[in-house]
Amino acid sequence: MKLGYFLFFSYIGQTAALAFSANKLQSKHGVNRRDAFIGVAATTVATLLSSPAPTLAAQGAEAFVGTFSDPINHPGGTRTVRLLDQKVGDYQLAEIVGGGGVGEPKNYVLPAAVIGDRTIVIDFSPKGGPRDFVGVLDGKDIKFLKDGNKWPRLKD
């Protein structure tokens, strides 16, 4: 977060310095200091409004922890994402314990890796599926990029 503030204020400082420099801007580019300042202010407000608001939600790999369903592909089943006590580089290892849905095994465990706080890669090969299936957080749910399927989070 400190890096974000640093970059933001560095940008503002550079732009403000440009805005308040000699009147060469007025003659060469047709922009006066007041217009430049208004442009900087408008850009700042737009940047702040378009940035996601900080929340008290779980951050990092913990954002994926929970129990989900798969109502499209395997209705009635559940999937519980648990983090393991092991990291490999920037990847937080995890597992998905699930089953019980229509057309799937009663119980299974799938290896997974969480990358940052928005991406999970799941190995579905133990139940006959693809090896590296990428999902992202979509609100509190997990959405899979390749097929558009979504696992809604169940209330704990």
N, C-alpha and C. Protein backbone atom coordinates (compact mmCIF):
# COMPACT_ATOMS: atom_id res chain seq x y z
N MET A 1 0.83 -1.18 0.00
CA MET A 1 0.00 0.00 0.00
C MET A 1 0.87 1.25 0.00
N LYS A 2 2.00 1.22 0.74
CA LYS A 2 2.89 2.38 0.77
C LYS A 2 3.44 2.67 -0.61
N LEU A 3 3.74 1.62 -1.38
CA LEU A 3 4.24 1.81 -2.73
C LEU A 3 3.20 2.52 -3.59
N GLY A 4 1.94 2.17 -3.44
CA GLY A 4 0.87 2.83 -4.19
C GLY A 4 0.80 4.30 -3.87
N TYR A 5 0.89 4.65 -2.60
CA TYR A 5 0.89 6.06 -2.21
C TYR A 5 2.10 6.77 -2.78
N PHE A 6 3.27 6.13 -2.72
CA PHE A 6 4.49 6.73 -3.25
C PHE A 6 4.34 7.04 -4.74
N LEU A 7 3.87 6.05 -5.51
CA LEU A 7 3.70 6.24 -6.95
C LEU A 7 2.67 7.33 -7.24
N PHE A 8 1.59 7.33 -6.48
CA PHE A 8 0.54 8.32 -6.67
C PHE A 8 1.09 9.72 -6.44
N PHE A 9 1.77 9.92 -5.30
CA PHE A 9 2.27 11.26 -4.98
C PHE A 9 3.44 11.65 -5.89
N SER A 10 4.21 10.68 -6.37
CA SER A 10 5.26 10.99 -7.34
C SER A 10 4.64 11.51 -8.63
N TYR A 11 3.58 10.85 -9.06
CA TYR A 11 2.88 11.28 -10.27
C TYR A 11 2.31 12.68 -10.09
N ILE A 12 1.66 12.91 -8.97
CA ILE A 12 1.07 14.23 -8.70
C ILE A 12 2.16 15.29 -8.66
N GLY A 13 3.28 14.97 -8.00
CA GLY A 13 4.38 15.93 -7.91
C GLY A 13 4.94 16.28 -9.27
N GLN A 14 5.14 15.29 -10.13
CA GLN A 14 5.68 15.55 -11.45
C GLN A 14 4.70 16.35 -12.30
N THR A 15 3.44 15.99 -12.21
CA THR A 15 2.43 16.69 -13.00
C THR A 15 2.25 18.12 -12.51
N ALA A 16 2.27 18.31 -11.19
CA ALA A 16 2.13 19.65 -10.63
C ALA A 16 3.33 20.51 -11.02
N ALA A 17 4.52 19.93 -10.99
CA ALA A 17 5.71 20.68 -11.39
C ALA A 17 5.58 21.12 -12.84
N LEU A 18 5.06 20.25 -13.68
CA LEU A 18 4.85 20.60 -15.08
C LEU A 18 3.81 21.71 -15.19
N ALA A 19 2.77 21.63 -14.40
CA ALA A 19 1.70 22.61 -14.47
C ALA A 19 2.16 23.99 -14.01
N PHE A 20 3.06 24.04 -13.05
CA PHE A 20 3.49 25.31 -12.50
C PHE A 20 4.83 25.78 -13.05
N SER A 21 5.31 25.16 -14.11
CA SER A 21 6.56 25.60 -14.72
C SER A 21 6.31 26.88 -15.51
N ALA A 22 7.33 27.38 -16.13
CA ALA A 22 7.25 28.64 -16.85
C ALA A 22 6.11 28.63 -17.86
N ASN A 23 5.74 29.78 -18.31
CA ASN A 23 4.60 29.91 -19.21
C ASN A 23 4.85 29.34 -20.60
N LYS A 24 5.90 28.58 -20.79
CA LYS A 24 6.15 27.95 -22.08
C LYS A 24 5.00 27.03 -22.47
N LEU A 25 4.34 26.48 -21.46
CA LEU A 25 3.19 25.62 -21.76
C LEU A 25 2.10 26.39 -22.48
N GLN A 26 1.87 27.62 -22.04
CA GLN A 26 0.80 28.42 -22.62
C GLN A 26 1.05 28.68 -24.10
N SER A 27 2.25 29.08 -24.43
CA SER A 27 2.51 29.46 -25.81
C SER A 27 2.72 28.25 -26.72
N LYS A 28 3.40 27.24 -26.22
CA LYS A 28 3.76 26.10 -27.07
C LYS A 28 2.61 25.11 -27.23
N HIS A 29 1.90 24.82 -26.13
CA HIS A 29 0.87 23.77 -26.16
C HIS A 29 -0.55 24.31 -25.98
N GLY A 30 -0.70 25.60 -25.72
CA GLY A 30 -2.02 26.17 -25.55
C GLY A 30 -2.68 25.78 -24.24
N VAL A 31 -1.90 25.45 -23.21
CA VAL A 31 -2.42 25.05 -21.91
C VAL A 31 -1.86 26.00 -20.86
N ASN A 32 -2.73 26.59 -20.06
CA ASN A 32 -2.21 27.44 -18.99
C ASN A 32 -2.14 26.65 -17.69
N ARG A 33 -1.55 27.24 -16.67
CA ARG A 33 -1.34 26.53 -15.41
C ARG A 33 -2.65 26.10 -14.76
N ARG A 34 -3.64 26.95 -14.82
CA ARG A 34 -4.92 26.62 -14.19
C ARG A 34 -5.56 25.41 -14.88
N ASP A 35 -5.54 25.36 -16.20
CA ASP A 35 -6.11 24.22 -16.92
C ASP A 35 -5.33 22.94 -16.61
N ALA A 36 -4.00 23.06 -16.53
CA ALA A 36 -3.19 21.90 -16.20
C ALA A 36 -3.52 21.40 -14.79
N PHE A 37 -3.67 22.32 -13.85
CA PHE A 37 -3.99 21.93 -12.48
C PHE A 37 -5.36 21.26 -12.41
N ILE A 38 -6.33 21.80 -13.12
CA ILE A 38 -7.66 21.19 -13.15
C ILE A 38 -7.59 19.79 -13.75
N GLY A 39 -6.77 19.63 -14.80
CA GLY A 39 -6.58 18.30 -15.39
C GLY A 39 -5.99 17.31 -14.40
N VAL A 40 -4.99 17.77 -13.64
CA VAL A 40 -4.38 16.92 -12.62
C VAL A 40 -5.41 16.54 -11.56
N ALA A 41 -6.18 17.50 -11.11
CA ALA A 41 -7.20 17.24 -10.09
C ALA A 41 -8.24 16.25 -10.61
N ALA A 42 -8.69 16.43 -11.83
CA ALA A 42 -9.68 15.52 -12.40
C ALA A 42 -9.13 14.12 -12.55
N THR A 43 -7.87 14.01 -12.99
CA THR A 43 -7.24 12.70 -13.13
C THR A 43 -7.11 12.02 -11.78
N THR A 44 -6.74 12.80 -10.76
CA THR A 44 -6.60 12.26 -9.40
C THR A 44 -7.93 11.72 -8.88
N VAL A 45 -8.98 12.50 -9.04
CA VAL A 45 -10.30 12.06 -8.57
C VAL A 45 -10.75 10.82 -9.33
N ALA A 46 -10.54 10.79 -10.64
CA ALA A 46 -10.94 9.61 -11.44
C ALA A 46 -10.16 8.38 -11.00
N THR A 47 -8.87 8.55 -10.73
CA THR A 47 -8.05 7.42 -10.29
C THR A 47 -8.53 6.90 -8.94
N LEU A 48 -8.82 7.80 -8.02
CA LEU A 48 -9.27 7.39 -6.70
C LEU A 48 -10.63 6.70 -6.76
N LEU A 49 -11.52 7.21 -7.60
CA LEU A 49 -12.85 6.62 -7.70
C LEU A 49 -12.83 5.28 -8.41
N SER A 50 -11.88 5.06 -9.32
CA SER A 50 -11.85 3.80 -10.04
C SER A 50 -11.07 2.72 -9.31
N SER A 51 -10.34 3.09 -8.26
CA SER A 51 -9.59 2.11 -7.48
C SER A 51 -10.54 1.36 -6.56
N PRO A 52 -10.30 0.05 -6.37
CA PRO A 52 -11.17 -0.69 -5.46
C PRO A 52 -11.02 -0.16 -4.04
N ALA A 53 -12.12 -0.06 -3.36
CA ALA A 53 -12.10 0.42 -1.98
C ALA A 53 -11.52 -0.64 -1.07
N PRO A 54 -10.73 -0.23 -0.09
CA PRO A 54 -10.20 -1.22 0.83
C PRO A 54 -11.34 -1.86 1.63
N THR A 55 -11.23 -3.15 1.85
CA THR A 55 -12.25 -3.86 2.59
C THR A 55 -11.61 -4.62 3.72
N LEU A 56 -12.44 -5.13 4.59
CA LEU A 56 -11.96 -5.93 5.69
C LEU A 56 -11.94 -7.41 5.34
N ALA A 57 -12.17 -7.74 4.08
CA ALA A 57 -12.19 -9.13 3.64
C ALA A 57 -10.79 -9.73 3.74
N ALA A 58 -10.77 -11.06 3.69
CA ALA A 58 -9.49 -11.76 3.75
C ALA A 58 -8.62 -11.34 2.58
N GLN A 59 -7.33 -11.23 2.83
CA GLN A 59 -6.41 -10.85 1.78
C GLN A 59 -5.43 -11.98 1.55
N GLY A 60 -4.80 -11.95 0.40
CA GLY A 60 -3.86 -12.99 0.06
C GLY A 60 -4.59 -14.29 -0.25
N ALA A 61 -3.86 -15.38 -0.09
CA ALA A 61 -4.42 -16.70 -0.40
C ALA A 61 -5.65 -17.03 0.44
N GLU A 62 -5.74 -16.45 1.63
CA GLU A 62 -6.89 -16.71 2.52
C GLU A 62 -8.23 -16.35 1.88
N ALA A 63 -8.19 -15.49 0.87
CA ALA A 63 -9.43 -15.08 0.20
C ALA A 63 -10.14 -16.26 -0.45
N PHE A 64 -9.39 -17.34 -0.75
CA PHE A 64 -9.98 -18.51 -1.40
C PHE A 64 -10.51 -19.54 -0.40
N VAL A 65 -10.16 -19.42 0.85
CA VAL A 65 -10.56 -20.42 1.84
C VAL A 65 -12.07 -20.38 2.04
N GLY A 66 -12.70 -21.56 1.98
CA GLY A 66 -14.13 -21.63 2.18
C GLY A 66 -14.73 -22.83 1.45
N THR A 67 -16.04 -22.93 1.53
CA THR A 67 -16.76 -24.03 0.89
C THR A 67 -17.61 -23.47 -0.24
N PHE A 68 -17.55 -24.16 -1.37
CA PHE A 68 -18.22 -23.72 -2.59
C PHE A 68 -19.09 -24.85 -3.13
N SER A 69 -20.00 -24.49 -4.03
CA SER A 69 -20.79 -25.50 -4.74
C SER A 69 -20.46 -25.39 -6.24
N ASP A 70 -20.94 -26.34 -7.00
CA ASP A 70 -20.78 -26.33 -8.46
C ASP A 70 -22.14 -26.66 -9.07
N PRO A 71 -23.09 -25.73 -8.99
CA PRO A 71 -24.46 -26.03 -9.40
C PRO A 71 -24.63 -26.31 -10.89
N ILE A 72 -23.72 -25.85 -11.74
CA ILE A 72 -23.85 -26.07 -13.18
C ILE A 72 -23.37 -27.47 -13.57
N ASN A 73 -22.14 -27.82 -13.16
CA ASN A 73 -21.56 -29.09 -13.60
C ASN A 73 -21.86 -30.27 -12.67
N HIS A 74 -21.93 -30.03 -11.37
CA HIS A 74 -22.13 -31.12 -10.41
C HIS A 74 -23.05 -30.67 -9.27
N PRO A 75 -24.35 -30.50 -9.56
CA PRO A 75 -25.27 -30.04 -8.53
C PRO A 75 -25.28 -30.98 -7.32
N GLY A 76 -25.38 -30.38 -6.15
CA GLY A 76 -25.43 -31.16 -4.91
C GLY A 76 -24.07 -31.40 -4.29
N GLY A 77 -23.00 -31.13 -5.01
CA GLY A 77 -21.66 -31.36 -4.47
C GLY A 77 -21.10 -30.13 -3.80
N THR A 78 -20.06 -30.34 -3.02
CA THR A 78 -19.36 -29.23 -2.38
C THR A 78 -17.87 -29.34 -2.66
N ARG A 79 -17.20 -28.21 -2.53
CA ARG A 79 -15.75 -28.13 -2.66
C ARG A 79 -15.26 -27.22 -1.56
N THR A 80 -14.36 -27.72 -0.73
CA THR A 80 -13.80 -26.91 0.35
C THR A 80 -12.33 -26.64 0.05
N VAL A 81 -11.99 -25.37 -0.05
CA VAL A 81 -10.61 -24.97 -0.32
C VAL A 81 -9.92 -24.76 1.02
N ARG A 82 -8.79 -25.49 1.19
CA ARG A 82 -7.96 -25.37 2.40
C ARG A 82 -6.54 -25.04 1.99
N LEU A 83 -5.91 -24.16 2.73
CA LEU A 83 -4.50 -23.84 2.48
C LEU A 83 -3.62 -24.83 3.22
N LEU A 84 -2.54 -25.23 2.58
CA LEU A 84 -1.57 -26.11 3.22
C LEU A 84 -0.47 -25.24 3.84
N ASP A 85 0.30 -25.82 4.72
CA ASP A 85 1.38 -25.08 5.38
C ASP A 85 2.65 -25.07 4.55
N GLN A 86 2.52 -24.99 3.26
CA GLN A 86 3.68 -25.06 2.39
C GLN A 86 3.55 -24.06 1.25
N LYS A 87 4.66 -23.38 0.97
CA LYS A 87 4.73 -22.47 -0.17
C LYS A 87 5.83 -22.94 -1.09
N VAL A 88 5.64 -22.71 -2.38
CA VAL A 88 6.68 -22.96 -3.37
C VAL A 88 6.85 -21.64 -4.12
N GLY A 89 7.93 -20.93 -3.81
CA GLY A 89 8.12 -19.60 -4.39
C GLY A 89 6.98 -18.70 -3.96
N ASP A 90 6.31 -18.09 -4.94
CA ASP A 90 5.18 -17.20 -4.66
C ASP A 90 3.85 -17.94 -4.58
N TYR A 91 3.88 -19.26 -4.74
CA TYR A 91 2.64 -20.04 -4.76
C TYR A 91 2.34 -20.60 -3.38
N GLN A 92 1.12 -20.37 -2.91
CA GLN A 92 0.64 -20.96 -1.66
C GLN A 92 -0.06 -22.26 -2.04
N LEU A 93 0.45 -23.38 -1.55
CA LEU A 93 -0.17 -24.66 -1.90
C LEU A 93 -1.49 -24.81 -1.15
N ALA A 94 -2.44 -25.46 -1.82
CA ALA A 94 -3.78 -25.64 -1.27
C ALA A 94 -4.31 -26.99 -1.73
N GLU A 95 -5.46 -27.36 -1.20
CA GLU A 95 -6.15 -28.55 -1.68
C GLU A 95 -7.64 -28.28 -1.67
N ILE A 96 -8.32 -28.97 -2.57
CA ILE A 96 -9.77 -28.89 -2.65
C ILE A 96 -10.30 -30.26 -2.26
N VAL A 97 -11.08 -30.30 -1.21
CA VAL A 97 -11.71 -31.53 -0.75
C VAL A 97 -13.17 -31.42 -1.16
N GLY A 98 -13.62 -32.36 -1.98
CA GLY A 98 -14.98 -32.24 -2.48
C GLY A 98 -15.61 -33.56 -2.81
N GLY A 99 -16.77 -33.44 -3.45
CA GLY A 99 -17.50 -34.61 -3.90
C GLY A 99 -18.97 -34.53 -3.58
N GLY A 100 -19.66 -35.61 -3.94
CA GLY A 100 -21.07 -35.72 -3.62
C GLY A 100 -22.02 -35.13 -4.64
N GLY A 101 -21.49 -34.54 -5.69
CA GLY A 101 -22.35 -33.95 -6.70
C GLY A 101 -22.73 -34.95 -7.78
N VAL A 102 -23.68 -34.61 -8.58
CA VAL A 102 -24.13 -35.44 -9.69
C VAL A 102 -22.97 -35.63 -10.68
N GLY A 103 -22.67 -36.88 -11.01
CA GLY A 103 -21.66 -37.17 -12.02
C GLY A 103 -20.22 -37.02 -11.56
N GLU A 104 -19.97 -37.06 -10.28
CA GLU A 104 -18.60 -36.97 -9.77
C GLU A 104 -18.41 -37.96 -8.63
N PRO A 105 -17.15 -38.26 -8.28
CA PRO A 105 -16.91 -39.19 -7.18
C PRO A 105 -17.52 -38.69 -5.87
N LYS A 106 -17.76 -39.63 -4.98
CA LYS A 106 -18.34 -39.28 -3.68
C LYS A 106 -17.38 -38.40 -2.87
N ASN A 107 -16.08 -38.72 -2.94
CA ASN A 107 -15.06 -37.94 -2.24
C ASN A 107 -13.82 -37.86 -3.11
N TYR A 108 -13.16 -36.72 -3.08
CA TYR A 108 -11.89 -36.57 -3.78
C TYR A 108 -11.09 -35.43 -3.16
N VAL A 109 -9.79 -35.43 -3.45
CA VAL A 109 -8.90 -34.34 -3.03
C VAL A 109 -8.12 -33.91 -4.26
N LEU A 110 -8.15 -32.61 -4.54
CA LEU A 110 -7.45 -32.06 -5.70
C LEU A 110 -6.34 -31.13 -5.23
N PRO A 111 -5.13 -31.28 -5.76
CA PRO A 111 -4.07 -30.33 -5.43
C PRO A 111 -4.32 -29.00 -6.13
N ALA A 112 -3.87 -27.92 -5.49
CA ALA A 112 -4.06 -26.58 -6.06
C ALA A 112 -2.94 -25.66 -5.58
N ALA A 113 -2.82 -24.55 -6.25
CA ALA A 113 -1.87 -23.50 -5.85
C ALA A 113 -2.57 -22.15 -6.01
N VAL A 114 -2.44 -21.31 -5.00
CA VAL A 114 -3.00 -19.96 -5.04
C VAL A 114 -1.87 -19.00 -5.37
N ILE A 115 -2.13 -18.13 -6.32
CA ILE A 115 -1.15 -17.14 -6.74
C ILE A 115 -1.69 -15.77 -6.34
N GLY A 116 -1.04 -15.13 -5.38
CA GLY A 116 -1.49 -13.82 -4.92
C GLY A 116 -2.83 -13.93 -4.21
N ASP A 117 -3.70 -12.97 -4.47
CA ASP A 117 -5.01 -12.97 -3.81
C ASP A 117 -6.16 -13.03 -4.80
N ARG A 118 -5.86 -13.37 -6.07
CA ARG A 118 -6.93 -13.39 -7.06
C ARG A 118 -6.97 -14.63 -7.94
N THR A 119 -5.93 -15.47 -7.92
CA THR A 119 -5.85 -16.58 -8.87
C THR A 119 -5.57 -17.89 -8.17
N ILE A 120 -6.28 -18.93 -8.61
CA ILE A 120 -6.04 -20.29 -8.12
C ILE A 120 -5.90 -21.21 -9.33
N VAL A 121 -4.96 -22.13 -9.25
CA VAL A 121 -4.76 -23.12 -10.30
C VAL A 121 -5.03 -24.49 -9.67
N ILE A 122 -6.00 -25.22 -10.23
CA ILE A 122 -6.44 -26.49 -9.67
C ILE A 122 -6.11 -27.62 -10.64
N ASP A 123 -5.62 -28.72 -10.08
CA ASP A 123 -5.33 -29.93 -10.87
C ASP A 123 -6.52 -30.88 -10.73
N PHE A 124 -7.35 -30.94 -11.76
CA PHE A 124 -8.53 -31.80 -11.75
C PHE A 124 -8.23 -33.22 -12.24
N SER A 125 -6.98 -33.52 -12.57
CA SER A 125 -6.65 -34.84 -13.13
C SER A 125 -6.98 -36.00 -12.20
N PRO A 126 -6.93 -35.87 -10.86
CA PRO A 126 -7.33 -37.01 -10.03
C PRO A 126 -8.78 -37.45 -10.24
N LYS A 127 -9.63 -36.57 -10.76
CA LYS A 127 -11.01 -36.98 -11.04
C LYS A 127 -11.31 -36.97 -12.54
N GLY A 128 -10.22 -37.04 -13.35
CA GLY A 128 -10.38 -37.17 -14.79
C GLY A 128 -10.47 -35.87 -15.57
N GLY A 129 -10.18 -34.76 -14.95
CA GLY A 129 -10.28 -33.47 -15.63
C GLY A 129 -8.93 -32.91 -16.02
N PRO A 130 -8.90 -31.64 -16.40
CA PRO A 130 -7.65 -31.00 -16.82
C PRO A 130 -6.68 -30.79 -15.65
N ARG A 131 -5.41 -30.72 -15.98
CA ARG A 131 -4.37 -30.62 -14.97
C ARG A 131 -4.24 -29.21 -14.39
N ASP A 132 -4.21 -28.19 -15.21
CA ASP A 132 -3.98 -26.81 -14.74
C ASP A 132 -5.15 -25.94 -15.13
N PHE A 133 -6.17 -25.91 -14.29
CA PHE A 133 -7.38 -25.15 -14.58
C PHE A 133 -7.37 -23.89 -13.73
N VAL A 134 -7.41 -22.73 -14.38
CA VAL A 134 -7.24 -21.45 -13.70
C VAL A 134 -8.59 -20.85 -13.35
N GLY A 135 -8.70 -20.42 -12.08
CA GLY A 135 -9.88 -19.71 -11.60
C GLY A 135 -9.46 -18.41 -10.96
N VAL A 136 -10.38 -17.46 -10.93
CA VAL A 136 -10.13 -16.17 -10.29
C VAL A 136 -11.28 -15.84 -9.36
N LEU A 137 -10.99 -15.00 -8.38
CA LEU A 137 -12.06 -14.55 -7.50
C LEU A 137 -12.98 -13.62 -8.28
N ASP A 138 -14.26 -13.85 -8.14
CA ASP A 138 -15.29 -13.01 -8.75
C ASP A 138 -16.22 -12.65 -7.61
N GLY A 139 -15.94 -11.55 -6.94
CA GLY A 139 -16.61 -11.26 -5.68
C GLY A 139 -16.10 -12.25 -4.66
N LYS A 140 -17.00 -13.04 -4.09
CA LYS A 140 -16.59 -14.08 -3.14
C LYS A 140 -16.56 -15.46 -3.79
N ASP A 141 -16.96 -15.54 -5.05
CA ASP A 141 -17.05 -16.80 -5.76
C ASP A 141 -15.77 -17.05 -6.57
N ILE A 142 -15.63 -18.26 -7.09
CA ILE A 142 -14.52 -18.58 -7.97
C ILE A 142 -15.07 -18.79 -9.37
N LYS A 143 -14.51 -18.06 -10.34
CA LYS A 143 -14.92 -18.18 -11.74
C LYS A 143 -13.75 -18.75 -12.52
N PHE A 144 -14.04 -19.74 -13.35
CA PHE A 144 -13.01 -20.39 -14.14
C PHE A 144 -12.95 -19.75 -15.52
N LEU A 145 -11.73 -19.39 -15.92
CA LEU A 145 -11.55 -18.61 -17.14
C LEU A 145 -11.82 -19.42 -18.41
N LYS A 146 -11.42 -20.67 -18.42
CA LYS A 146 -11.51 -21.45 -19.66
C LYS A 146 -12.95 -21.75 -20.07
N ASP A 147 -13.80 -22.11 -19.11
CA ASP A 147 -15.18 -22.48 -19.47
C ASP A 147 -16.25 -21.55 -18.91
N GLY A 148 -15.85 -20.56 -18.11
CA GLY A 148 -16.81 -19.61 -17.55
C GLY A 148 -17.63 -20.15 -16.39
N ASN A 149 -17.37 -21.40 -15.97
CA ASN A 149 -18.10 -21.97 -14.84
C ASN A 149 -17.81 -21.17 -13.58
N LYS A 150 -18.76 -21.18 -12.67
CA LYS A 150 -18.60 -20.43 -11.42
C LYS A 150 -18.95 -21.32 -10.25
N TRP A 151 -18.09 -21.28 -9.22
CA TRP A 151 -18.37 -21.94 -7.95
C TRP A 151 -18.85 -20.89 -6.96
N PRO A 152 -20.14 -20.83 -6.67
CA PRO A 152 -20.61 -19.89 -5.66
C PRO A 152 -20.14 -20.31 -4.26
N ARG A 153 -19.76 -19.33 -3.48
CA ARG A 153 -19.34 -19.60 -2.09
C ARG A 153 -20.59 -19.88 -1.26
N LEU A 154 -20.52 -20.94 -0.46
CA LEU A 154 -21.61 -21.28 0.43
C LEU A 154 -21.37 -20.56 1.76
N LYS A 155 -22.45 -20.18 2.41
CA LYS A 155 -22.30 -19.52 3.71
C LYS A 155 -21.76 -20.50 4.72
N ASP A 156 -20.72 -20.07 5.43
CA ASP A 156 -20.09 -20.97 6.42
C ASP A 156 -20.89 -21.04 7.69
